[in-house]
Protein backbone atom coordinates (compact mmCIF):
# COMPACT_ATOMS: atom_id res chain seq x y z
CA MET A 1 -20.55 -13.37 9.34
CA GLU A 2 -16.51 -12.88 8.71
CA LYS A 3 -15.57 -15.06 6.33
CA LYS A 4 -13.05 -18.07 7.42
CA GLU A 5 -11.86 -21.02 5.77
CA HIS A 6 -13.46 -22.94 8.58
CA TYR A 7 -16.31 -21.81 10.82
CA ARG A 8 -18.84 -23.18 13.25
CA LYS A 9 -22.34 -23.36 13.69
CA HIS A 10 -23.40 -26.23 15.10
CA LEU A 11 -21.51 -28.57 12.99
CA PRO A 12 -18.21 -27.60 11.70
CA HIS A 13 -17.84 -26.34 8.21
CA PHE A 14 -14.82 -25.42 5.70
CA GLN A 15 -14.79 -23.54 2.72
CA GLN A 16 -12.15 -22.47 0.24
CA PRO A 17 -12.66 -20.61 -3.18
CA GLY A 18 -12.08 -23.02 -6.11
CA GLN A 19 -13.42 -26.29 -3.96
CA GLU A 20 -16.00 -28.60 -5.03
CA TYR A 21 -18.60 -29.50 -2.35
CA PHE A 22 -21.76 -31.71 -1.63
CA VAL A 23 -23.95 -29.78 0.01
CA THR A 24 -27.48 -31.06 1.82
CA TRP A 25 -30.01 -28.65 3.64
CA CYS A 26 -33.51 -29.09 4.43
CA LEU A 27 -36.70 -27.30 5.75
CA LYS A 28 -37.25 -26.35 9.45
CA ASP A 29 -38.63 -28.66 11.42
CA ALA A 30 -37.79 -31.36 8.83
CA VAL A 31 -35.77 -33.53 11.41
CA PRO A 32 -36.38 -33.54 14.86
CA PRO A 33 -33.72 -31.21 16.96
CA LYS A 34 -32.17 -33.54 19.15
CA ALA A 35 -32.38 -36.60 17.05
CA LEU A 36 -28.98 -36.21 15.64
CA GLU A 37 -27.34 -34.91 18.68
CA ALA A 38 -24.89 -37.97 19.61
CA TYR A 39 -23.45 -37.72 15.92
CA THR A 40 -23.23 -33.80 16.06
CA PHE A 41 -21.14 -34.05 19.68
CA GLN A 42 -18.90 -36.88 18.08
CA LEU A 43 -18.12 -34.39 15.08
CA LYS A 44 -17.39 -31.54 17.19
CA GLN A 45 -15.31 -34.04 19.59
CA ILE A 46 -13.18 -35.64 16.38
CA ILE A 47 -12.91 -31.95 14.57
CA SER A 48 -11.35 -30.94 18.09
CA GLU A 49 -9.00 -33.59 18.41
CA ILE A 50 -7.61 -32.99 14.85
CA GLU A 51 -7.25 -29.45 15.48
CA ILE A 52 -5.13 -30.47 18.81
CA ALA A 53 -3.12 -33.06 16.94
CA GLN A 54 -2.28 -30.58 13.90
CA ASN A 55 -1.32 -27.55 15.97
CA ASN A 56 1.22 -29.66 17.88
CA HIS A 57 2.26 -31.26 15.23
CA PHE A 58 1.53 -34.84 15.99
CA ASP A 59 2.27 -37.88 13.69
CA GLU A 60 0.90 -37.52 10.34
CA LEU A 61 -0.69 -40.95 10.70
CA LEU A 62 -2.66 -40.35 13.83
CA VAL A 63 -4.28 -37.09 11.79
CA ALA A 64 -4.80 -39.46 8.61
CA ASP A 65 -6.62 -41.94 11.36
CA LEU A 66 -8.36 -39.15 13.14
CA LYS A 67 -9.72 -38.10 9.70
CA THR A 68 -10.60 -41.04 8.67
CA LYS A 69 -12.86 -41.71 11.54
CA GLN A 70 -13.99 -38.11 10.85
CA THR A 71 -15.39 -39.40 7.46
CA ILE A 72 -16.82 -42.57 9.01
CA ILE A 73 -18.70 -40.47 11.87
CA ARG A 74 -19.88 -37.56 9.43
CA ASN A 75 -21.12 -40.62 6.78
CA LYS A 76 -23.15 -41.86 9.40
CA TYR A 77 -24.28 -38.89 10.52
CA MET A 78 -25.39 -38.08 7.05
CA LYS A 79 -27.39 -41.43 6.43
CA ALA A 80 -29.37 -41.11 9.56
CA PHE A 81 -30.19 -37.35 8.11
CA ASP A 82 -31.19 -38.73 5.22
CA GLU A 83 -33.49 -41.62 6.62
CA LEU A 84 -34.95 -39.21 9.02
CA LEU A 85 -35.84 -36.66 5.88
CA HIS A 86 -37.48 -39.75 3.65
CA ILE A 87 -39.85 -40.77 6.51
CA GLN A 88 -41.22 -37.18 7.48
CA THR A 89 -44.37 -36.63 5.96
CA LYS A 90 -45.54 -33.46 7.32
CA MET A 91 -43.80 -30.28 5.70
CA ILE A 92 -44.42 -26.77 6.17
CA ILE A 93 -43.87 -26.43 2.04
CA ASP A 94 -44.15 -29.34 -0.51
CA LEU A 95 -40.82 -28.52 -2.52
CA SER A 96 -41.98 -31.76 -4.91
CA LYS A 97 -44.73 -29.05 -6.01
CA ASP A 98 -44.24 -27.80 -9.46
CA GLU A 99 -43.95 -24.41 -8.99
CA ASN A 100 -41.80 -24.87 -6.22
CA THR A 101 -39.44 -27.26 -7.81
CA ARG A 102 -38.78 -24.97 -10.54
CA ILE A 103 -38.25 -21.92 -7.87
CA MET A 104 -35.65 -23.98 -6.64
CA LEU A 105 -33.92 -25.06 -9.37
CA ASP A 106 -34.03 -21.82 -11.00
CA ALA A 107 -32.07 -20.31 -8.04
CA LEU A 108 -29.67 -23.24 -7.81
CA ARG A 109 -28.69 -22.71 -11.71
CA PHE A 110 -28.33 -18.68 -11.36
CA TRP A 111 -24.69 -18.39 -10.45
CA GLU A 112 -24.18 -21.09 -13.25
CA GLY A 113 -20.74 -19.96 -15.26
CA LYS A 114 -20.81 -16.79 -13.33
CA ARG A 115 -19.65 -17.99 -9.67
CA LEU A 116 -19.74 -21.89 -9.96
CA GLU A 117 -19.99 -24.88 -11.98
CA ASN A 118 -23.35 -27.22 -11.46
CA TYR A 119 -22.51 -31.06 -11.55
CA THR A 120 -25.74 -32.43 -9.96
CA ILE A 121 -28.80 -31.22 -8.10
CA CYS A 122 -31.74 -33.08 -6.74
CA VAL A 123 -34.77 -31.07 -4.95
CA MET A 124 -36.75 -33.30 -2.72
CA SER A 125 -40.19 -32.48 -0.98
CA ASN A 126 -38.40 -31.66 2.10
CA HIS A 127 -34.53 -31.30 1.33
CA VAL A 128 -32.09 -30.51 -1.13
CA HIS A 129 -28.98 -32.15 -2.47
CA TRP A 130 -26.61 -30.18 -4.56
CA VAL A 131 -23.12 -31.06 -6.04
CA PHE A 132 -20.92 -28.16 -7.56
CA ARG A 133 -17.81 -26.50 -8.11
CA LEU A 134 -16.97 -22.78 -6.81
CA TYR A 135 -14.73 -20.90 -8.96
CA ASP A 136 -12.04 -18.91 -7.56
CA LYS A 137 -13.02 -15.75 -8.32
CA ASN A 138 -16.53 -13.76 -9.26
CA GLU A 139 -17.29 -11.54 -11.92
CA LYS A 140 -15.58 -8.83 -9.92
CA GLY A 141 -12.16 -10.49 -9.38
CA GLU A 142 -13.33 -11.11 -5.53
CA PRO A 143 -13.21 -14.78 -3.79
CA VAL A 144 -16.46 -16.85 -3.99
CA TRP A 145 -16.92 -18.32 -0.80
CA LEU A 146 -19.42 -20.99 -0.08
CA GLN A 147 -21.07 -19.24 2.78
CA ASP A 148 -22.19 -16.15 0.22
CA ILE A 149 -23.35 -18.47 -2.27
CA LEU A 150 -25.78 -20.78 0.52
CA GLN A 151 -26.99 -17.40 1.87
CA SER A 152 -27.97 -16.02 -1.20
CA VAL A 153 -29.93 -19.07 -2.48
CA LYS A 154 -31.81 -19.53 0.89
CA ARG A 155 -32.49 -15.96 1.12
CA PHE A 156 -34.03 -15.98 -2.44
CA THR A 157 -35.89 -19.16 -2.37
CA ALA A 158 -37.18 -18.64 1.21
CA ASN A 159 -39.03 -15.40 0.05
CA LYS A 160 -40.05 -16.75 -3.35
CA LEU A 161 -41.48 -19.76 -1.77
CA ASN A 162 -43.15 -17.87 0.62
CA ALA A 163 -44.97 -15.66 -1.77
CA GLN A 164 -45.95 -18.84 -3.67
CA GLU A 165 -47.38 -20.48 -0.80
CA ASN A 166 -48.78 -17.40 0.73
CA ARG A 167 -46.93 -17.57 3.80
CA LYS A 168 -44.43 -16.04 6.49
CA GLY A 169 -41.89 -17.31 8.30
CA THR A 170 -38.64 -19.07 8.51
CA VAL A 171 -38.35 -21.62 5.48
CA TRP A 172 -34.93 -23.38 6.27
CA HIS A 173 -32.95 -25.00 8.91
CA SER A 174 -30.08 -22.65 10.03
CA GLU A 175 -27.65 -25.24 9.12
CA SER A 176 -26.53 -26.57 5.84
CA TYR A 177 -24.25 -29.99 5.88
CA ASP A 178 -21.32 -29.53 3.47
CA THR A 179 -18.64 -31.54 2.77
CA THR A 180 -15.67 -30.52 0.66
CA ILE A 181 -14.72 -32.97 -2.45
CA ARG A 182 -11.83 -34.86 -1.54
CA ASP A 183 -11.09 -37.02 -4.86
CA ARG A 184 -12.54 -37.87 -7.91
CA LYS A 185 -13.97 -40.95 -6.44
CA HIS A 186 -15.65 -39.14 -3.27
CA LEU A 187 -17.17 -36.86 -6.51
CA TYR A 188 -18.58 -39.92 -8.05
CA ASN A 189 -19.90 -40.96 -4.69
CA ALA A 190 -22.08 -37.64 -4.01
CA ILE A 191 -22.93 -37.10 -7.74
CA ASN A 192 -24.38 -40.66 -7.54
CA TYR A 193 -25.89 -40.41 -3.99
CA THR A 194 -28.00 -37.08 -5.16
CA LEU A 195 -29.22 -38.90 -8.24
CA GLN A 196 -30.35 -42.02 -6.54
CA ASN A 197 -31.95 -40.18 -4.13
CA PRO A 198 -36.05 -40.07 -5.11
CA VAL A 199 -35.13 -44.12 -5.92
CA SER A 200 -33.45 -44.71 -2.59
CA ALA A 201 -36.80 -42.90 -0.69
CA GLY A 202 -38.86 -45.38 -3.16
CA LEU A 203 -40.40 -42.82 -5.32
CA LEU A 204 -39.57 -44.25 -8.88
CA LYS A 205 -37.24 -46.61 -10.30
CA ASN A 206 -34.81 -44.20 -12.40
CA TRP A 207 -33.16 -41.17 -11.34
CA TRP A 208 -33.97 -39.39 -14.43
CA GLU A 209 -37.63 -39.24 -13.89
CA TRP A 210 -37.67 -37.35 -11.10
CA LYS A 211 -38.64 -33.42 -11.82
CA GLY A 212 -36.37 -32.07 -9.42
CA THR A 213 -33.24 -33.72 -10.47
CA TYR A 214 -30.56 -31.80 -12.91
CA TYR A 215 -27.70 -33.40 -13.81
CA GLY A 216 -25.19 -31.43 -15.61
CA TYR A 217 -21.68 -32.75 -15.09
């Protein structure tokens, strides 16, 4: 795929070297295909409205209002998404198994100090939350794209997990849900959300007890 700052799959994605991100992705079939269809439509619609407003140099207050609406819709999407993941009991692979959690954490930390700085990670049984900052350039002086990092991690972990579980086939949902961190408050909320995910799911009382958690911020 050609590297673009703005690209689309089912959802719109924004990427730029040097940015901070909050990324979530899940196992294949962890969420019913049409469960979030309404939110997906709303997100696509509001993004189109923002693009039209910006391309036609509409009033900045109008654009800001549209972006606020986009944030509200995306937050509702992610809340519904997480709730669906937490009630899912049948999984093609259990990421919370010790060996699988280790595979995930090792892969998510592989580019640490080379192409990114990790803030926090949470590997749940069927999904992953990841907050980090991409470097502007890699060790070869080339731009670091979120697209490349995610493809690398998902491809590597899919192969390792399949080998560990003695299975074949697709492991990950094709879409990742990435948000560019806007400011320090947004970063704090993303980190806190990630750390508290096992607590919110009712799995334990203290986030630091979850073996799938890494905190390096």
